[in-house]
Amino acid sequence: MESMKTFLVPILSLFAVVALAEQPRIQQTLVGKNASLRESSGRLAGTSSTSGSNTTFRDGSGRISGTASVASSGSQTFRDASGRSAGSASVSGSNTTYRDASGRIAATASTSSSGSTTYRDGTGRIRGTSSVSGNSITYRDASGRSTGTASVRK
């Protein structure tokens, strides 16, 4: 779990909640996309850039903080800035299961037919949500407080 936590720490400063389940939220919504991440205050917290099936995450200063690759099966592999395995994700229907580098379930994400996604930590506790409107993804913590947005470039 620690490697997955380290993987997106700079980007995850976007989200005031320190829970591990916050990380998969960004990973799920930004893998395969080019986007700018902003804190709720509007400060740039990071970016994601995609080429083919690979996404590179950068912190607000432009330093690489990790990568994600998507296999033809749809499974995702996450690596930290040093290239070490940080975890994986597998999708089944509208549900995604995130595993840490040791294979333990770290979090899950469930997307409703309306497009809203609910994120739970490894114990099943709700950690937050995200919703999509046009080219914008809004992230909220478990209490419903906005923690940031991602602007997706087409």
C-alpha atoms as a PDB file:
ATOM      1  CA  MET A   1       0.000   0.000   0.000  1.00  0.00           C
ATOM      2  CA  GLU A   2       2.828   2.397   0.776  1.00  0.00           C
ATOM      3  CA  SER A   3       4.166   2.283  -2.787  1.00  0.00           C
ATOM      4  CA  MET A   4       0.714   3.124  -4.134  1.00  0.00           C
ATOM      5  CA  LYS A   5       0.450   5.943  -1.600  1.00  0.00           C
ATOM      6  CA  THR A   6       3.848   7.327  -2.629  1.00  0.00           C
ATOM      7  CA  PHE A   7       2.963   7.026  -6.301  1.00  0.00           C
ATOM      8  CA  LEU A   8       0.593   9.970  -6.496  1.00  0.00           C
ATOM      9  CA  VAL A   9       1.323  11.955  -3.344  1.00  0.00           C
ATOM     10  CA  PRO A  10       2.091  15.203  -5.228  1.00  0.00           C
ATOM     11  CA  ILE A  11      -1.041  14.910  -7.336  1.00  0.00           C
ATOM     12  CA  LEU A  12      -3.091  13.787  -4.381  1.00  0.00           C
ATOM     13  CA  SER A  13      -2.375  16.960  -2.481  1.00  0.00           C
ATOM     14  CA  LEU A  14      -5.273  18.046  -4.644  1.00  0.00           C
ATOM     15  CA  PHE A  15      -7.468  16.119  -2.264  1.00  0.00           C
ATOM     16  CA  ALA A  16      -7.405  17.224   1.329  1.00  0.00           C
ATOM     17  CA  VAL A  17      -8.317  13.707   2.447  1.00  0.00           C
ATOM     18  CA  VAL A  18      -5.231  11.574   3.128  1.00  0.00           C
ATOM     19  CA  ALA A  19      -6.963   8.217   2.707  1.00  0.00           C
ATOM     20  CA  LEU A  20      -5.522   5.635   0.349  1.00  0.00           C
ATOM     21  CA  ALA A  21      -8.848   5.357  -1.447  1.00  0.00           C
ATOM     22  CA  GLU A  22      -8.388   8.902  -2.747  1.00  0.00           C
ATOM     23  CA  GLN A  23      -5.567   7.743  -5.048  1.00  0.00           C
ATOM     24  CA  PRO A  24      -7.564   5.334  -7.169  1.00  0.00           C
ATOM     25  CA  ARG A  25     -10.121   8.056  -7.688  1.00  0.00           C
ATOM     26  CA  ILE A  26      -7.649  10.099  -9.721  1.00  0.00           C
ATOM     27  CA  GLN A  27      -6.152   7.081 -11.374  1.00  0.00           C
ATOM     28  CA  GLN A  28      -9.486   5.752 -12.565  1.00  0.00           C
ATOM     29  CA  THR A  29     -10.774   9.041 -13.868  1.00  0.00           C
ATOM     30  CA  LEU A  30      -7.566  10.250 -15.533  1.00  0.00           C
ATOM     31  CA  VAL A  31      -5.953   7.109 -16.950  1.00  0.00           C
ATOM     32  CA  GLY A  32      -6.173   7.512 -20.711  1.00  0.00           C
ATOM     33  CA  LYS A  33      -6.850  11.246 -20.541  1.00  0.00           C
ATOM     34  CA  ASN A  34      -4.945  14.514 -20.866  1.00  0.00           C
ATOM     35  CA  ALA A  35      -5.996  16.670 -17.933  1.00  0.00           C
ATOM     36  CA  SER A  36      -5.064  19.429 -15.491  1.00  0.00           C
ATOM     37  CA  LEU A  37      -5.787  18.824 -11.802  1.00  0.00           C
ATOM     38  CA  ARG A  38      -6.661  21.736  -9.540  1.00  0.00           C
ATOM     39  CA  GLU A  39      -7.251  21.998  -5.823  1.00  0.00           C
ATOM     40  CA  SER A  40     -10.574  23.447  -4.715  1.00  0.00           C
ATOM     41  CA  SER A  41      -8.707  26.775  -4.317  1.00  0.00           C
ATOM     42  CA  GLY A  42      -7.859  26.681  -8.037  1.00  0.00           C
ATOM     43  CA  ARG A  43      -4.113  26.027  -7.579  1.00  0.00           C
ATOM     44  CA  LEU A  44      -2.614  23.641 -10.163  1.00  0.00           C
ATOM     45  CA  ALA A  45      -1.798  20.371  -8.406  1.00  0.00           C
ATOM     46  CA  GLY A  46      -0.775  18.196 -11.350  1.00  0.00           C
ATOM     47  CA  THR A  47      -1.405  16.916 -14.840  1.00  0.00           C
ATOM     48  CA  SER A  48      -1.968  13.680 -16.701  1.00  0.00           C
ATOM     49  CA  SER A  49      -0.743  13.153 -20.271  1.00  0.00           C
ATOM     50  CA  THR A  50      -1.665  10.146 -22.381  1.00  0.00           C
ATOM     51  CA  SER A  51      -0.004   8.653 -25.424  1.00  0.00           C
ATOM     52  CA  GLY A  52      -1.459   5.395 -26.690  1.00  0.00           C
ATOM     53  CA  SER A  53      -2.169   3.170 -23.698  1.00  0.00           C
ATOM     54  CA  ASN A  54       0.257   4.946 -21.341  1.00  0.00           C
ATOM     55  CA  THR A  55      -0.527   7.853 -19.008  1.00  0.00           C
ATOM     56  CA  THR A  56       2.117   9.941 -17.235  1.00  0.00           C
ATOM     57  CA  PHE A  57       1.217  11.823 -14.054  1.00  0.00           C
ATOM     58  CA  ARG A  58       3.126  14.989 -13.097  1.00  0.00           C
ATOM     59  CA  ASP A  59       2.953  17.097  -9.941  1.00  0.00           C
ATOM     60  CA  GLY A  60       2.221  20.848  -9.974  1.00  0.00           C
ATOM     61  CA  SER A  61       5.921  21.559 -10.618  1.00  0.00           C
ATOM     62  CA  GLY A  62       6.025  19.301 -13.676  1.00  0.00           C
ATOM     63  CA  ARG A  63       7.978  16.432 -12.079  1.00  0.00           C
ATOM     64  CA  ILE A  64       6.869  12.917 -13.034  1.00  0.00           C
ATOM     65  CA  SER A  65       5.097  11.309 -10.086  1.00  0.00           C
ATOM     66  CA  GLY A  66       4.023   8.052 -11.731  1.00  0.00           C
ATOM     67  CA  THR A  67       2.618   6.267 -14.759  1.00  0.00           C
ATOM     68  CA  ALA A  68      -0.278   4.027 -15.687  1.00  0.00           C
ATOM     69  CA  SER A  69      -0.612   1.619 -18.582  1.00  0.00           C
ATOM     70  CA  VAL A  70      -3.771  -0.049 -19.842  1.00  0.00           C
ATOM     71  CA  ALA A  71      -3.663  -3.584 -21.252  1.00  0.00           C
ATOM     72  CA  SER A  72      -5.950  -4.728 -24.074  1.00  0.00           C
ATOM     73  CA  SER A  73      -8.040  -6.500 -21.399  1.00  0.00           C
ATOM     74  CA  GLY A  74      -8.678  -3.122 -19.740  1.00  0.00           C
ATOM     75  CA  SER A  75      -6.585  -3.877 -16.659  1.00  0.00           C
ATOM     76  CA  GLN A  76      -4.379  -1.033 -15.457  1.00  0.00           C
ATOM     77  CA  THR A  77      -0.852  -1.169 -14.041  1.00  0.00           C
ATOM     78  CA  PHE A  78       0.490   1.731 -11.969  1.00  0.00           C
ATOM     79  CA  ARG A  79       4.163   2.555 -11.419  1.00  0.00           C
ATOM     80  CA  ASP A  80       5.823   5.156  -9.228  1.00  0.00           C
ATOM     81  CA  ALA A  81       8.246   7.786 -10.557  1.00  0.00           C
ATOM     82  CA  SER A  82      11.121   5.272 -10.290  1.00  0.00           C
ATOM     83  CA  GLY A  83       9.274   2.682 -12.380  1.00  0.00           C
ATOM     84  CA  ARG A  84       8.516   0.336  -9.474  1.00  0.00           C
ATOM     85  CA  SER A  85       5.136  -1.372  -9.426  1.00  0.00           C
ATOM     86  CA  ALA A  86       2.718   0.632  -7.294  1.00  0.00           C
ATOM     87  CA  GLY A  87      -0.458  -1.357  -7.893  1.00  0.00           C
ATOM     88  CA  SER A  88      -3.062  -2.404 -10.399  1.00  0.00           C
ATOM     89  CA  ALA A  89      -6.721  -2.047 -11.227  1.00  0.00           C
ATOM     90  CA  SER A  90      -9.170  -4.415 -12.881  1.00  0.00           C
ATOM     91  CA  VAL A  91     -12.580  -3.499 -14.223  1.00  0.00           C
ATOM     92  CA  SER A  92     -15.673  -5.668 -14.138  1.00  0.00           C
ATOM     93  CA  GLY A  93     -18.732  -3.918 -15.541  1.00  0.00           C
ATOM     94  CA  SER A  94     -19.131  -0.640 -13.647  1.00  0.00           C
ATOM     95  CA  ASN A  95     -16.879  -1.738 -10.764  1.00  0.00           C
ATOM     96  CA  THR A  96     -13.121  -1.293 -10.455  1.00  0.00           C
ATOM     97  CA  THR A  97     -10.952  -3.068  -7.893  1.00  0.00           C
ATOM     98  CA  TYR A  98      -7.600  -1.485  -6.998  1.00  0.00           C
ATOM     99  CA  ARG A  99      -4.827  -3.613  -5.561  1.00  0.00           C
ATOM    100  CA  ASP A 100      -1.572  -2.486  -3.993  1.00  0.00           C
ATOM    101  CA  ALA A 101       1.788  -3.792  -5.208  1.00  0.00           C
ATOM    102  CA  SER A 102       1.394  -6.836  -2.920  1.00  0.00           C
ATOM    103  CA  GLY A 103      -1.967  -7.751  -4.458  1.00  0.00           C
ATOM    104  CA  ARG A 104      -4.117  -6.728  -1.485  1.00  0.00           C
ATOM    105  CA  ILE A 105      -7.362  -4.866  -2.215  1.00  0.00           C
ATOM    106  CA  ALA A 106      -6.646  -1.197  -1.532  1.00  0.00           C
ATOM    107  CA  ALA A 107      -9.894   0.338  -2.779  1.00  0.00           C
ATOM    108  CA  THR A 108     -12.895  -0.059  -5.048  1.00  0.00           C
ATOM    109  CA  ALA A 109     -14.832   2.283  -7.311  1.00  0.00           C
ATOM    110  CA  SER A 110     -18.425   1.855  -8.458  1.00  0.00           C
ATOM    111  CA  THR A 111     -19.912   3.975 -11.243  1.00  0.00           C
ATOM    112  CA  SER A 112     -23.676   4.487 -11.421  1.00  0.00           C
ATOM    113  CA  SER A 113     -25.713   4.816 -14.611  1.00  0.00           C
ATOM    114  CA  SER A 114     -25.766   8.599 -14.022  1.00  0.00           C
ATOM    115  CA  GLY A 115     -21.959   8.675 -14.256  1.00  0.00           C
ATOM    116  CA  SER A 116     -21.269   9.391 -10.582  1.00  0.00           C
ATOM    117  CA  THR A 117     -18.526   7.236  -9.059  1.00  0.00           C
ATOM    118  CA  THR A 118     -18.316   6.213  -5.402  1.00  0.00           C
ATOM    119  CA  TYR A 119     -14.905   5.286  -3.961  1.00  0.00           C
ATOM    120  CA  ARG A 120     -14.424   2.959  -1.005  1.00  0.00           C
ATOM    121  CA  ASP A 121     -11.269   2.050   0.876  1.00  0.00           C
ATOM    122  CA  GLY A 122     -10.153  -1.535   1.380  1.00  0.00           C
ATOM    123  CA  THR A 123     -12.503  -1.929   4.368  1.00  0.00           C
ATOM    124  CA  GLY A 124     -15.539  -0.822   2.323  1.00  0.00           C
ATOM    125  CA  ARG A 125     -15.844   2.632   3.890  1.00  0.00           C
ATOM    126  CA  ILE A 126     -16.924   5.388   1.484  1.00  0.00           C
ATOM    127  CA  ARG A 127     -14.026   7.816   0.955  1.00  0.00           C
ATOM    128  CA  GLY A 128     -15.471  10.095  -1.727  1.00  0.00           C
ATOM    129  CA  THR A 129     -17.183  10.553  -5.072  1.00  0.00           C
ATOM    130  CA  SER A 130     -16.571  12.038  -8.480  1.00  0.00           C
ATOM    131  CA  SER A 131     -18.969  13.268 -11.128  1.00  0.00           C
ATOM    132  CA  VAL A 132     -18.445  14.245 -14.742  1.00  0.00           C
ATOM    133  CA  SER A 133     -19.981  17.280 -16.426  1.00  0.00           C
ATOM    134  CA  GLY A 134     -18.772  18.015 -19.949  1.00  0.00           C
ATOM    135  CA  ASN A 135     -14.957  18.096 -19.820  1.00  0.00           C
ATOM    136  CA  SER A 136     -14.795  18.552 -16.053  1.00  0.00           C
ATOM    137  CA  ILE A 137     -14.559  15.991 -13.246  1.00  0.00           C
ATOM    138  CA  THR A 138     -15.483  17.191  -9.753  1.00  0.00           C
ATOM    139  CA  TYR A 139     -14.140  15.301  -6.749  1.00  0.00           C
ATOM    140  CA  ARG A 140     -15.798  15.328  -3.316  1.00  0.00           C
ATOM    141  CA  ASP A 141     -14.782  13.783  -0.008  1.00  0.00           C
ATOM    142  CA  ALA A 142     -17.090  11.474   1.955  1.00  0.00           C
ATOM    143  CA  SER A 143     -18.855  14.451   3.567  1.00  0.00           C
ATOM    144  CA  GLY A 144     -19.663  15.931   0.132  1.00  0.00           C
ATOM    145  CA  ARG A 145     -17.131  18.789   0.329  1.00  0.00           C
ATOM    146  CA  SER A 146     -15.522  19.642  -3.008  1.00  0.00           C
ATOM    147  CA  THR A 147     -11.825  18.754  -2.912  1.00  0.00           C
ATOM    148  CA  GLY A 148     -10.833  19.532  -6.500  1.00  0.00           C
ATOM    149  CA  THR A 149     -11.501  19.304 -10.204  1.00  0.00           C
ATOM    150  CA  ALA A 150      -9.887  17.913 -13.310  1.00  0.00           C
ATOM    151  CA  SER A 151     -10.257  19.675 -16.650  1.00  0.00           C
ATOM    152  CA  VAL A 152      -9.974  17.084 -19.404  1.00  0.00           C
ATOM    153  CA  ARG A 153      -8.595  18.227 -22.751  1.00  0.00           C
ATOM    154  CA  LYS A 154     -10.114  16.578 -25.795  1.00  0.00           C
END
